[in-house]
Amino acid sequence: MESITKITVVAPVFNEIECLPEFCCRVEKVMEEQGCDYQILFVDDGSSDGSAEWLMEREKTDRRVQALLLSRNFGHQIAITAGLDHADGNAVIILDSDLQDPPEVIPDLLAKWREGYDVVYAVRRSRQGETWLKKFLAAGFYKIFRAMAKVDAPLNAGDFRLLDRCAVDAVKELRETHRFMRGLTCWVGFRQGAVLYDRDSRYAGATKYPVWKSARLAFDAITSFSAAPLRWTMGFGFLICLLAGAWVVQIMIGVYKGQGGLVQGWASIIAAVIFMGGVQLICIGILGQYLGRTFEETKRRPLYFLRNNFRNSTKICG
């Protein structure tokens, strides 16, 4: 492996003004103890609480800090993408700026990297400050994703991870619109390892990923990596047809035995309408999701725009 010359810490930011001073202090302390050249690359994802202005001021006084300002809020996964696009370190560490993922785990990631691993995940041993519902849904999602997408994604691993330069360059080649970075870093392959850690509660502020937003990310992840929902829809359609057929057979038996109280033809028609109508709506909805993603991919729009010149951050647009 190439000797360490520079480590880039990519930190997405969205309204984290209360966390940023402490985040910088802790990351810089950890990296200084490692004795290697490093850079903290903040990617502001359209913050409205003064985070961008704080980062610009910090950049003027701290040569280790670089600020990348997106032109609007493009989303967490796009912010990570922008950071990887502009990171120039031999290894890149993705670390959210809310301090739920402690920077003190970075030495463990680097140690694993020095052993020869190209992608090193930080796997959560425990999750503080999260509701039982979110923990339950997260555990279920990872199991479903691994089964459906056929991607060897580790359980309980978020975006906190280290990528070697070769893995970063590979991920940069993937320019799909609906992005699930945890899956993409697994999909590219290379030698992958993991370290365990305990996830903390947020240092300050409110979560930017409530349950509904996490559910949307989970849906994007599954539909981006697997066509299984389409196959499941077909299977579900067959099942409903069988149930409808069984219902019709039951009605016919009842008529044959002379059971009264039935309006001739009513039950069979209602059964067919309800069952087939439900199947059609589900099928159309799932097909529409995939078709919509195909439409968006064919546009080939850039994934994001910057409002500052990265190499000359004093130049601001808008």
C-alpha atoms as a PDB file:
ATOM      1  CA  MET A   1       0.000   0.000   0.000  1.00  0.00           C
ATOM      2  CA  GLU A   2       1.101   3.535  -0.753  1.00  0.00           C
ATOM      3  CA  SER A   3       2.485   5.333   2.283  1.00  0.00           C
ATOM      4  CA  ILE A   4       0.161   7.757   4.023  1.00  0.00           C
ATOM      5  CA  THR A   5       0.540  11.289   2.705  1.00  0.00           C
ATOM      6  CA  LYS A   6      -2.879  12.814   3.260  1.00  0.00           C
ATOM      7  CA  ILE A   7      -6.205  11.886   4.862  1.00  0.00           C
ATOM      8  CA  THR A   8      -9.384  13.741   3.873  1.00  0.00           C
ATOM      9  CA  VAL A   9     -12.344  13.806   6.253  1.00  0.00           C
ATOM     10  CA  VAL A  10     -15.553  14.481   4.311  1.00  0.00           C
ATOM     11  CA  ALA A  11     -18.248  15.935   6.577  1.00  0.00           C
ATOM     12  CA  PRO A  12     -21.750  16.676   5.205  1.00  0.00           C
ATOM     13  CA  VAL A  13     -23.399  19.635   6.948  1.00  0.00           C
ATOM     14  CA  PHE A  14     -27.053  20.651   7.077  1.00  0.00           C
ATOM     15  CA  ASN A  15     -27.998  23.153   9.785  1.00  0.00           C
ATOM     16  CA  GLU A  16     -25.372  21.976  12.280  1.00  0.00           C
ATOM     17  CA  ILE A  17     -24.128  25.337  13.553  1.00  0.00           C
ATOM     18  CA  GLU A  18     -24.252  24.131  17.175  1.00  0.00           C
ATOM     19  CA  CYS A  19     -22.093  21.086  16.443  1.00  0.00           C
ATOM     20  CA  LEU A  20     -19.450  22.500  14.116  1.00  0.00           C
ATOM     21  CA  PRO A  21     -17.040  24.074  16.676  1.00  0.00           C
ATOM     22  CA  GLU A  22     -16.924  20.894  18.768  1.00  0.00           C
ATOM     23  CA  PHE A  23     -16.685  18.733  15.645  1.00  0.00           C
ATOM     24  CA  CYS A  24     -13.644  20.651  14.383  1.00  0.00           C
ATOM     25  CA  CYS A  25     -11.963  20.511  17.777  1.00  0.00           C
ATOM     26  CA  ARG A  26     -12.385  16.752  18.182  1.00  0.00           C
ATOM     27  CA  VAL A  27     -11.462  15.824  14.616  1.00  0.00           C
ATOM     28  CA  GLU A  28      -8.360  18.009  14.623  1.00  0.00           C
ATOM     29  CA  LYS A  29      -7.243  16.587  17.955  1.00  0.00           C
ATOM     30  CA  VAL A  30      -7.588  13.017  16.698  1.00  0.00           C
ATOM     31  CA  MET A  31      -5.852  13.714  13.401  1.00  0.00           C
ATOM     32  CA  GLU A  32      -2.981  15.600  15.037  1.00  0.00           C
ATOM     33  CA  GLU A  33      -2.347  12.577  17.243  1.00  0.00           C
ATOM     34  CA  GLN A  34      -2.052  10.441  14.117  1.00  0.00           C
ATOM     35  CA  GLY A  35       0.839  12.557  12.912  1.00  0.00           C
ATOM     36  CA  CYS A  36      -0.239  12.661   9.262  1.00  0.00           C
ATOM     37  CA  ASP A  37      -1.268  15.371   6.849  1.00  0.00           C
ATOM     38  CA  TYR A  38      -5.024  15.803   6.750  1.00  0.00           C
ATOM     39  CA  GLN A  39      -7.865  17.996   5.566  1.00  0.00           C
ATOM     40  CA  ILE A  40     -11.433  18.426   6.795  1.00  0.00           C
ATOM     41  CA  LEU A  41     -13.682  18.941   3.782  1.00  0.00           C
ATOM     42  CA  PHE A  42     -17.073  20.248   4.877  1.00  0.00           C
ATOM     43  CA  VAL A  43     -19.928  20.000   2.375  1.00  0.00           C
ATOM     44  CA  ASP A  44     -22.712  22.417   3.266  1.00  0.00           C
ATOM     45  CA  ASP A  45     -25.988  21.090   1.877  1.00  0.00           C
ATOM     46  CA  GLY A  46     -27.927  24.333   1.689  1.00  0.00           C
ATOM     47  CA  SER A  47     -27.928  25.206   5.404  1.00  0.00           C
ATOM     48  CA  SER A  48     -30.061  28.116   6.562  1.00  0.00           C
ATOM     49  CA  ASP A  49     -28.832  28.477  10.155  1.00  0.00           C
ATOM     50  CA  GLY A  50     -25.495  30.166   9.500  1.00  0.00           C
ATOM     51  CA  SER A  51     -23.465  26.963   9.116  1.00  0.00           C
ATOM     52  CA  ALA A  52     -22.138  28.007   5.704  1.00  0.00           C
ATOM     53  CA  GLU A  53     -21.007  31.409   6.985  1.00  0.00           C
ATOM     54  CA  TRP A  54     -19.301  29.795   9.988  1.00  0.00           C
ATOM     55  CA  LEU A  55     -17.451  27.398   7.710  1.00  0.00           C
ATOM     56  CA  MET A  56     -16.277  30.206   5.445  1.00  0.00           C
ATOM     57  CA  GLU A  57     -14.866  32.096   8.421  1.00  0.00           C
ATOM     58  CA  ARG A  58     -13.207  28.960   9.804  1.00  0.00           C
ATOM     59  CA  GLU A  59     -11.650  28.279   6.416  1.00  0.00           C
ATOM     60  CA  LYS A  60      -9.917  31.678   6.519  1.00  0.00           C
ATOM     61  CA  THR A  61      -8.167  30.931   9.813  1.00  0.00           C
ATOM     62  CA  ASP A  62      -7.620  27.156   9.618  1.00  0.00           C
ATOM     63  CA  ARG A  63      -5.655  25.835   6.680  1.00  0.00           C
ATOM     64  CA  ARG A  64      -6.881  22.319   7.440  1.00  0.00           C
ATOM     65  CA  VAL A  65     -10.509  23.268   6.759  1.00  0.00           C
ATOM     66  CA  GLN A  66     -12.078  23.533   3.314  1.00  0.00           C
ATOM     67  CA  ALA A  67     -15.718  24.447   2.717  1.00  0.00           C
ATOM     68  CA  LEU A  68     -17.739  23.225  -0.229  1.00  0.00           C
ATOM     69  CA  LEU A  69     -21.095  24.993  -0.505  1.00  0.00           C
ATOM     70  CA  LEU A  70     -23.858  23.393  -2.556  1.00  0.00           C
ATOM     71  CA  SER A  71     -26.219  25.776  -4.350  1.00  0.00           C
ATOM     72  CA  ARG A  72     -29.246  24.324  -2.498  1.00  0.00           C
ATOM     73  CA  ASN A  73     -30.257  21.353  -0.408  1.00  0.00           C
ATOM     74  CA  PHE A  74     -29.586  18.310  -2.620  1.00  0.00           C
ATOM     75  CA  GLY A  75     -29.728  15.709   0.150  1.00  0.00           C
ATOM     76  CA  HIS A  76     -27.292  13.872   2.384  1.00  0.00           C
ATOM     77  CA  GLN A  77     -26.210  11.281  -0.189  1.00  0.00           C
ATOM     78  CA  ILE A  78     -25.468  13.930  -2.814  1.00  0.00           C
ATOM     79  CA  ALA A  79     -23.476  15.918  -0.252  1.00  0.00           C
ATOM     80  CA  ILE A  80     -21.307  12.845   0.372  1.00  0.00           C
ATOM     81  CA  THR A  81     -20.916  12.455  -3.391  1.00  0.00           C
ATOM     82  CA  ALA A  82     -19.729  16.047  -3.740  1.00  0.00           C
ATOM     83  CA  GLY A  83     -17.212  15.503  -0.959  1.00  0.00           C
ATOM     84  CA  LEU A  84     -15.784  12.390  -2.607  1.00  0.00           C
ATOM     85  CA  ASP A  85     -15.582  14.227  -5.941  1.00  0.00           C
ATOM     86  CA  HIS A  86     -13.366  16.931  -4.413  1.00  0.00           C
ATOM     87  CA  ALA A  87     -11.389  14.914  -1.837  1.00  0.00           C
ATOM     88  CA  ASP A  88      -7.750  14.421  -2.798  1.00  0.00           C
ATOM     89  CA  GLY A  89      -6.431  12.347   0.113  1.00  0.00           C
ATOM     90  CA  ASN A  90      -4.874   8.904  -0.133  1.00  0.00           C
ATOM     91  CA  ALA A  91      -7.768   7.804   2.070  1.00  0.00           C
ATOM     92  CA  VAL A  92     -11.139   9.488   2.597  1.00  0.00           C
ATOM     93  CA  ILE A  93     -13.198   9.206   5.781  1.00  0.00           C
ATOM     94  CA  ILE A  94     -16.921   9.969   5.603  1.00  0.00           C
ATOM     95  CA  LEU A  95     -18.092  11.371   8.930  1.00  0.00           C
ATOM     96  CA  ASP A  96     -21.341  13.189   9.709  1.00  0.00           C
ATOM     97  CA  SER A  97     -20.920  16.489  11.524  1.00  0.00           C
ATOM     98  CA  ASP A  98     -23.569  15.833  14.205  1.00  0.00           C
ATOM     99  CA  LEU A  99     -21.036  13.865  16.323  1.00  0.00           C
ATOM    100  CA  GLN A 100     -23.227  10.801  16.642  1.00  0.00           C
ATOM    101  CA  ASP A 101     -20.339   8.961  15.020  1.00  0.00           C
ATOM    102  CA  PRO A 102     -17.402   9.800  17.332  1.00  0.00           C
ATOM    103  CA  PRO A 103     -14.230  11.037  15.603  1.00  0.00           C
ATOM    104  CA  GLU A 104     -12.257   9.036  18.182  1.00  0.00           C
ATOM    105  CA  VAL A 105     -12.982   5.924  16.069  1.00  0.00           C
ATOM    106  CA  ILE A 106     -10.860   7.301  13.210  1.00  0.00           C
ATOM    107  CA  PRO A 107      -7.605   5.702  14.491  1.00  0.00           C
ATOM    108  CA  ASP A 108      -9.278   2.286  14.355  1.00  0.00           C
ATOM    109  CA  LEU A 109     -10.318   2.913  10.749  1.00  0.00           C
ATOM    110  CA  LEU A 110      -6.799   3.988   9.826  1.00  0.00           C
ATOM    111  CA  ALA A 111      -5.269   0.969  11.554  1.00  0.00           C
ATOM    112  CA  LYS A 112      -7.520  -1.343   9.547  1.00  0.00           C
ATOM    113  CA  TRP A 113      -6.637   0.532   6.373  1.00  0.00           C
ATOM    114  CA  ARG A 114      -2.933   0.081   7.065  1.00  0.00           C
ATOM    115  CA  GLU A 115      -3.573  -3.666   7.220  1.00  0.00           C
ATOM    116  CA  GLY A 116      -4.461  -3.518   3.542  1.00  0.00           C
ATOM    117  CA  TYR A 117      -8.230  -2.973   3.488  1.00  0.00           C
ATOM    118  CA  ASP A 118      -9.566  -0.586   0.839  1.00  0.00           C
ATOM    119  CA  VAL A 119     -12.991  -0.012   2.408  1.00  0.00           C
ATOM    120  CA  VAL A 120     -13.389  -0.006   6.189  1.00  0.00           C
ATOM    121  CA  TYR A 121     -16.871   0.217   7.697  1.00  0.00           C
ATOM    122  CA  ALA A 122     -17.639   1.512  11.166  1.00  0.00           C
ATOM    123  CA  VAL A 123     -20.244  -0.978  12.419  1.00  0.00           C
ATOM    124  CA  ARG A 124     -22.516   0.148  15.253  1.00  0.00           C
ATOM    125  CA  ARG A 125     -22.303  -2.018  18.337  1.00  0.00           C
ATOM    126  CA  SER A 126     -24.898   0.118  20.120  1.00  0.00           C
ATOM    127  CA  ARG A 127     -27.047   3.131  19.160  1.00  0.00           C
ATOM    128  CA  GLN A 128     -27.621   5.795  21.816  1.00  0.00           C
ATOM    129  CA  GLY A 129     -30.375   8.388  21.650  1.00  0.00           C
ATOM    130  CA  GLU A 130     -32.575   6.573  19.115  1.00  0.00           C
ATOM    131  CA  THR A 131     -36.106   5.272  19.608  1.00  0.00           C
ATOM    132  CA  TRP A 132     -36.834   1.550  19.687  1.00  0.00           C
ATOM    133  CA  LEU A 133     -38.920   1.962  16.531  1.00  0.00           C
ATOM    134  CA  LYS A 134     -36.051   3.452  14.556  1.00  0.00           C
ATOM    135  CA  LYS A 135     -33.661   0.751  15.782  1.00  0.00           C
ATOM    136  CA  PHE A 136     -36.156  -1.964  14.866  1.00  0.00           C
ATOM    137  CA  LEU A 137     -36.791  -0.544  11.407  1.00  0.00           C
ATOM    138  CA  ALA A 138     -33.074  -0.044  10.753  1.00  0.00           C
ATOM    139  CA  ALA A 139     -32.256  -3.637  11.692  1.00  0.00           C
ATOM    140  CA  GLY A 140     -35.076  -4.910   9.485  1.00  0.00           C
ATOM    141  CA  PHE A 141     -34.011  -2.752   6.560  1.00  0.00           C
ATOM    142  CA  TYR A 142     -30.420  -3.993   6.504  1.00  0.00           C
ATOM    143  CA  LYS A 143     -31.575  -7.611   6.482  1.00  0.00           C
ATOM    144  CA  ILE A 144     -34.088  -6.984   3.704  1.00  0.00           C
ATOM    145  CA  PHE A 145     -31.584  -4.984   1.672  1.00  0.00           C
ATOM    146  CA  ARG A 146     -28.938  -7.720   1.864  1.00  0.00           C
ATOM    147  CA  ALA A 147     -31.481 -10.344   0.817  1.00  0.00           C
ATOM    148  CA  MET A 148     -33.015  -8.363  -2.041  1.00  0.00           C
ATOM    149  CA  ALA A 149     -30.051  -6.462  -3.469  1.00  0.00           C
ATOM    150  CA  LYS A 150     -27.512  -9.290  -3.274  1.00  0.00           C
ATOM    151  CA  VAL A 151     -24.971  -6.732  -2.033  1.00  0.00           C
ATOM    152  CA  ASP A 152     -22.789  -7.771   0.888  1.00  0.00           C
ATOM    153  CA  ALA A 153     -23.565  -4.684   2.960  1.00  0.00           C
ATOM    154  CA  PRO A 154     -22.681  -5.097   6.656  1.00  0.00           C
ATOM    155  CA  LEU A 155     -25.486  -4.919   9.182  1.00  0.00           C
ATOM    156  CA  ASN A 156     -25.693  -1.766  11.327  1.00  0.00           C
ATOM    157  CA  ALA A 157     -23.155   0.182   9.283  1.00  0.00           C
ATOM    158  CA  GLY A 158     -24.063   3.740   8.309  1.00  0.00           C
ATOM    159  CA  ASP A 159     -22.146   6.158   6.112  1.00  0.00           C
ATOM    160  CA  PHE A 160     -19.254   6.382   8.610  1.00  0.00           C
ATOM    161  CA  ARG A 161     -16.423   4.605   6.787  1.00  0.00           C
ATOM    162  CA  LEU A 162     -12.998   4.922   5.227  1.00  0.00           C
ATOM    163  CA  LEU A 163     -12.305   4.564   1.508  1.00  0.00           C
ATOM    164  CA  ASP A 164      -8.911   4.080  -0.050  1.00  0.00           C
ATOM    165  CA  ARG A 165      -8.125   6.212  -3.090  1.00  0.00           C
ATOM    166  CA  CYS A 166      -8.801   3.288  -5.444  1.00  0.00           C
ATOM    167  CA  ALA A 167     -12.286   2.822  -3.939  1.00  0.00           C
ATOM    168  CA  VAL A 168     -12.982   6.563  -4.079  1.00  0.00           C
ATOM    169  CA  ASP A 169     -12.068   6.690  -7.766  1.00  0.00           C
ATOM    170  CA  ALA A 170     -14.335   3.707  -8.436  1.00  0.00           C
ATOM    171  CA  VAL A 171     -17.315   5.250  -6.630  1.00  0.00           C
ATOM    172  CA  LYS A 172     -16.779   8.512  -8.530  1.00  0.00           C
ATOM    173  CA  GLU A 173     -17.494   6.607 -11.750  1.00  0.00           C
ATOM    174  CA  LEU A 174     -21.030   5.835 -10.545  1.00  0.00           C
ATOM    175  CA  ARG A 175     -23.226   8.832 -11.377  1.00  0.00           C
ATOM    176  CA  GLU A 176     -26.762   7.545 -10.848  1.00  0.00           C
ATOM    177  CA  THR A 177     -29.295  10.082  -9.603  1.00  0.00           C
ATOM    178  CA  HIS A 178     -30.887   8.116  -6.750  1.00  0.00           C
ATOM    179  CA  ARG A 179     -27.873   7.297  -4.647  1.00  0.00           C
ATOM    180  CA  PHE A 180     -27.387   4.996  -1.688  1.00  0.00           C
ATOM    181  CA  MET A 181     -23.725   5.484  -0.851  1.00  0.00           C
ATOM    182  CA  ARG A 182     -23.547   2.605   1.631  1.00  0.00           C
ATOM    183  CA  GLY A 183     -24.585   0.265  -1.133  1.00  0.00           C
ATOM    184  CA  LEU A 184     -22.333   1.814  -3.785  1.00  0.00           C
ATOM    185  CA  THR A 185     -19.211   1.478  -1.641  1.00  0.00           C
ATOM    186  CA  CYS A 186     -20.042  -2.211  -1.200  1.00  0.00           C
ATOM    187  CA  TRP A 187     -20.892  -2.754  -4.856  1.00  0.00           C
ATOM    188  CA  VAL A 188     -17.521  -1.544  -6.154  1.00  0.00           C
ATOM    189  CA  GLY A 189     -15.809  -4.417  -4.335  1.00  0.00           C
ATOM    190  CA  PHE A 190     -12.126  -4.258  -3.302  1.00  0.00           C
ATOM    191  CA  ARG A 191     -10.952  -5.621   0.027  1.00  0.00           C
ATOM    192  CA  GLN A 192     -13.425  -4.617   2.728  1.00  0.00           C
ATOM    193  CA  GLY A 193     -13.221  -4.795   6.522  1.00  0.00           C
ATOM    194  CA  ALA A 194     -15.014  -3.477   9.592  1.00  0.00           C
ATOM    195  CA  VAL A 195     -14.416  -2.046  13.047  1.00  0.00           C
ATOM    196  CA  LEU A 196     -16.954  -1.933  15.887  1.00  0.00           C
ATOM    197  CA  TYR A 197     -17.940   1.196  17.802  1.00  0.00           C
ATOM    198  CA  ASP A 198     -20.650   2.611  20.042  1.00  0.00           C
ATOM    199  CA  ARG A 199     -22.754   5.322  18.443  1.00  0.00           C
ATOM    200  CA  ASP A 200     -23.449   8.399  20.582  1.00  0.00           C
ATOM    201  CA  SER A 201     -26.481  10.631  20.842  1.00  0.00           C
ATOM    202  CA  ARG A 202     -26.484  13.874  18.882  1.00  0.00           C
ATOM    203  CA  TYR A 203     -24.185  16.503  20.401  1.00  0.00           C
ATOM    204  CA  ALA A 204     -26.779  19.230  19.762  1.00  0.00           C
ATOM    205  CA  GLY A 205     -29.703  20.080  17.526  1.00  0.00           C
ATOM    206  CA  ALA A 206     -32.414  17.883  16.046  1.00  0.00           C
ATOM    207  CA  THR A 207     -32.062  14.837  13.837  1.00  0.00           C
ATOM    208  CA  LYS A 208     -32.133  15.431  10.092  1.00  0.00           C
ATOM    209  CA  TYR A 209     -33.290  11.874   9.437  1.00  0.00           C
ATOM    210  CA  PRO A 210     -36.728  11.236  11.016  1.00  0.00           C
ATOM    211  CA  VAL A 211     -38.434   7.891  10.416  1.00  0.00           C
ATOM    212  CA  TRP A 212     -40.246   9.011   7.256  1.00  0.00           C
ATOM    213  CA  LYS A 213     -37.039  10.292   5.673  1.00  0.00           C
ATOM    214  CA  SER A 214     -35.199   7.103   6.616  1.00  0.00           C
ATOM    215  CA  ALA A 215     -38.040   5.114   5.026  1.00  0.00           C
ATOM    216  CA  ARG A 216     -37.644   7.069   1.799  1.00  0.00           C
ATOM    217  CA  LEU A 217     -33.905   6.410   1.780  1.00  0.00           C
ATOM    218  CA  ALA A 218     -34.603   2.707   2.357  1.00  0.00           C
ATOM    219  CA  PHE A 219     -37.006   2.640  -0.593  1.00  0.00           C
ATOM    220  CA  ASP A 220     -34.467   4.392  -2.825  1.00  0.00           C
ATOM    221  CA  ALA A 221     -31.806   1.910  -1.722  1.00  0.00           C
ATOM    222  CA  ILE A 222     -33.888  -1.148  -2.568  1.00  0.00           C
ATOM    223  CA  THR A 223     -35.177   0.131  -5.910  1.00  0.00           C
ATOM    224  CA  SER A 224     -31.684   1.299  -6.911  1.00  0.00           C
ATOM    225  CA  PHE A 225     -30.052  -2.060  -6.304  1.00  0.00           C
ATOM    226  CA  SER A 226     -32.783  -4.624  -6.926  1.00  0.00           C
ATOM    227  CA  ALA A 227     -35.660  -5.466  -9.258  1.00  0.00           C
ATOM    228  CA  ALA A 228     -37.075  -7.816  -6.611  1.00  0.00           C
ATOM    229  CA  PRO A 229     -40.171  -5.613  -5.966  1.00  0.00           C
ATOM    230  CA  LEU A 230     -41.185  -6.161  -9.589  1.00  0.00           C
ATOM    231  CA  ARG A 231     -40.847  -9.921  -9.214  1.00  0.00           C
ATOM    232  CA  TRP A 232     -42.687  -9.824  -5.909  1.00  0.00           C
ATOM    233  CA  THR A 233     -45.496  -7.872  -7.581  1.00  0.00           C
ATOM    234  CA  MET A 234     -45.871 -10.580 -10.196  1.00  0.00           C
ATOM    235  CA  GLY A 235     -45.949 -13.244  -7.494  1.00  0.00           C
ATOM    236  CA  PHE A 236     -48.480 -11.253  -5.496  1.00  0.00           C
ATOM    237  CA  GLY A 237     -50.656 -10.975  -8.590  1.00  0.00           C
ATOM    238  CA  PHE A 238     -50.615 -14.730  -9.028  1.00  0.00           C
ATOM    239  CA  LEU A 239     -51.538 -15.198  -5.371  1.00  0.00           C
ATOM    240  CA  ILE A 240     -54.492 -12.816  -5.588  1.00  0.00           C
ATOM    241  CA  CYS A 241     -55.695 -14.553  -8.725  1.00  0.00           C
ATOM    242  CA  LEU A 242     -55.610 -17.888  -6.913  1.00  0.00           C
ATOM    243  CA  LEU A 243     -57.539 -16.458  -3.973  1.00  0.00           C
ATOM    244  CA  ALA A 244     -60.114 -14.937  -6.309  1.00  0.00           C
ATOM    245  CA  GLY A 245     -60.434 -18.271  -8.104  1.00  0.00           C
ATOM    246  CA  ALA A 246     -60.943 -20.078  -4.814  1.00  0.00           C
ATOM    247  CA  TRP A 247     -63.625 -17.552  -3.860  1.00  0.00           C
ATOM    248  CA  VAL A 248     -65.456 -18.104  -7.137  1.00  0.00           C
ATOM    249  CA  VAL A 249     -65.281 -21.878  -6.655  1.00  0.00           C
ATOM    250  CA  GLN A 250     -66.770 -21.477  -3.178  1.00  0.00           C
ATOM    251  CA  ILE A 251     -69.617 -19.422  -4.598  1.00  0.00           C
ATOM    252  CA  MET A 252     -70.280 -22.007  -7.289  1.00  0.00           C
ATOM    253  CA  ILE A 253     -70.402 -24.767  -4.694  1.00  0.00           C
ATOM    254  CA  GLY A 254     -72.850 -22.734  -2.642  1.00  0.00           C
ATOM    255  CA  VAL A 255     -75.100 -22.205  -5.670  1.00  0.00           C
ATOM    256  CA  TYR A 256     -74.907 -25.904  -6.576  1.00  0.00           C
ATOM    257  CA  LYS A 257     -75.980 -26.873  -3.038  1.00  0.00           C
ATOM    258  CA  GLY A 258     -78.893 -24.529  -3.269  1.00  0.00           C
ATOM    259  CA  GLN A 259     -77.808 -22.102  -0.561  1.00  0.00           C
ATOM    260  CA  GLY A 260     -80.068 -19.080  -0.558  1.00  0.00           C
ATOM    261  CA  GLY A 261     -79.437 -15.427   0.253  1.00  0.00           C
ATOM    262  CA  LEU A 262     -77.139 -14.766  -2.694  1.00  0.00           C
ATOM    263  CA  VAL A 263     -77.879 -12.317  -5.465  1.00  0.00           C
ATOM    264  CA  GLN A 264     -76.887 -14.133  -8.594  1.00  0.00           C
ATOM    265  CA  GLY A 265     -73.575 -12.866  -9.982  1.00  0.00           C
ATOM    266  CA  TRP A 266     -73.059 -10.170  -7.342  1.00  0.00           C
ATOM    267  CA  ALA A 267     -70.451 -11.887  -5.140  1.00  0.00           C
ATOM    268  CA  SER A 268     -68.321 -13.089  -8.027  1.00  0.00           C
ATOM    269  CA  ILE A 269     -68.249  -9.661  -9.636  1.00  0.00           C
ATOM    270  CA  ILE A 270     -67.349  -7.872  -6.405  1.00  0.00           C
ATOM    271  CA  ALA A 271     -64.626 -10.436  -5.641  1.00  0.00           C
ATOM    272  CA  ALA A 272     -63.084  -9.989  -9.076  1.00  0.00           C
ATOM    273  CA  VAL A 273     -63.247  -6.195  -8.953  1.00  0.00           C
ATOM    274  CA  ILE A 274     -61.729  -5.879  -5.478  1.00  0.00           C
ATOM    275  CA  PHE A 275     -58.939  -8.376  -5.948  1.00  0.00           C
ATOM    276  CA  MET A 276     -57.915  -7.411  -9.462  1.00  0.00           C
ATOM    277  CA  GLY A 277     -58.288  -3.696  -8.779  1.00  0.00           C
ATOM    278  CA  GLY A 278     -55.931  -3.954  -5.832  1.00  0.00           C
ATOM    279  CA  VAL A 279     -53.403  -5.978  -7.803  1.00  0.00           C
ATOM    280  CA  GLN A 280     -53.457  -3.509 -10.673  1.00  0.00           C
ATOM    281  CA  LEU A 281     -52.972  -0.485  -8.429  1.00  0.00           C
ATOM    282  CA  ILE A 282     -50.012  -2.069  -6.660  1.00  0.00           C
ATOM    283  CA  CYS A 283     -48.432  -3.166  -9.939  1.00  0.00           C
ATOM    284  CA  ILE A 284     -48.912   0.234 -11.533  1.00  0.00           C
ATOM    285  CA  GLY A 285     -47.450   1.977  -8.494  1.00  0.00           C
ATOM    286  CA  ILE A 286     -44.303  -0.134  -8.409  1.00  0.00           C
ATOM    287  CA  LEU A 287     -43.838   0.034 -12.175  1.00  0.00           C
ATOM    288  CA  GLY A 288     -44.315   3.799 -11.959  1.00  0.00           C
ATOM    289  CA  GLN A 289     -41.517   4.110  -9.414  1.00  0.00           C
ATOM    290  CA  TYR A 290     -39.068   2.262 -11.635  1.00  0.00           C
ATOM    291  CA  LEU A 291     -40.232   4.108 -14.741  1.00  0.00           C
ATOM    292  CA  GLY A 292     -39.868   7.441 -12.964  1.00  0.00           C
ATOM    293  CA  ARG A 293     -36.305   6.583 -11.975  1.00  0.00           C
ATOM    294  CA  THR A 294     -35.520   5.599 -15.555  1.00  0.00           C
ATOM    295  CA  PHE A 295     -36.895   8.944 -16.743  1.00  0.00           C
ATOM    296  CA  GLU A 296     -34.780  10.872 -14.261  1.00  0.00           C
ATOM    297  CA  GLU A 297     -31.635   8.949 -15.197  1.00  0.00           C
ATOM    298  CA  THR A 298     -32.110   9.661 -18.916  1.00  0.00           C
ATOM    299  CA  LYS A 299     -32.046  13.422 -18.248  1.00  0.00           C
ATOM    300  CA  ARG A 300     -28.375  13.147 -17.251  1.00  0.00           C
ATOM    301  CA  ARG A 301     -28.574  16.276 -15.115  1.00  0.00           C
ATOM    302  CA  PRO A 302     -25.570  17.116 -12.924  1.00  0.00           C
ATOM    303  CA  LEU A 303     -25.951  15.687  -9.435  1.00  0.00           C
ATOM    304  CA  TYR A 304     -25.286  19.066  -7.787  1.00  0.00           C
ATOM    305  CA  PHE A 305     -24.051  22.621  -8.284  1.00  0.00           C
ATOM    306  CA  LEU A 306     -21.670  24.651  -6.146  1.00  0.00           C
ATOM    307  CA  ARG A 307     -22.141  28.231  -5.101  1.00  0.00           C
ATOM    308  CA  ASN A 308     -18.503  28.738  -4.202  1.00  0.00           C
ATOM    309  CA  ASN A 309     -15.323  28.182  -6.157  1.00  0.00           C
ATOM    310  CA  PHE A 310     -13.703  25.314  -4.279  1.00  0.00           C
ATOM    311  CA  ARG A 311     -10.163  26.475  -5.002  1.00  0.00           C
ATOM    312  CA  ASN A 312     -11.026  30.088  -4.211  1.00  0.00           C
ATOM    313  CA  SER A 313     -13.737  29.938  -1.587  1.00  0.00           C
ATOM    314  CA  THR A 314     -14.011  33.714  -1.245  1.00  0.00           C
ATOM    315  CA  LYS A 315     -15.914  33.760  -4.554  1.00  0.00           C
ATOM    316  CA  ILE A 316     -19.578  33.180  -3.723  1.00  0.00           C
ATOM    317  CA  CYS A 317     -22.533  32.995  -6.095  1.00  0.00           C
ATOM    318  CA  GLY A 318     -26.041  33.827  -4.943  1.00  0.00           C
END
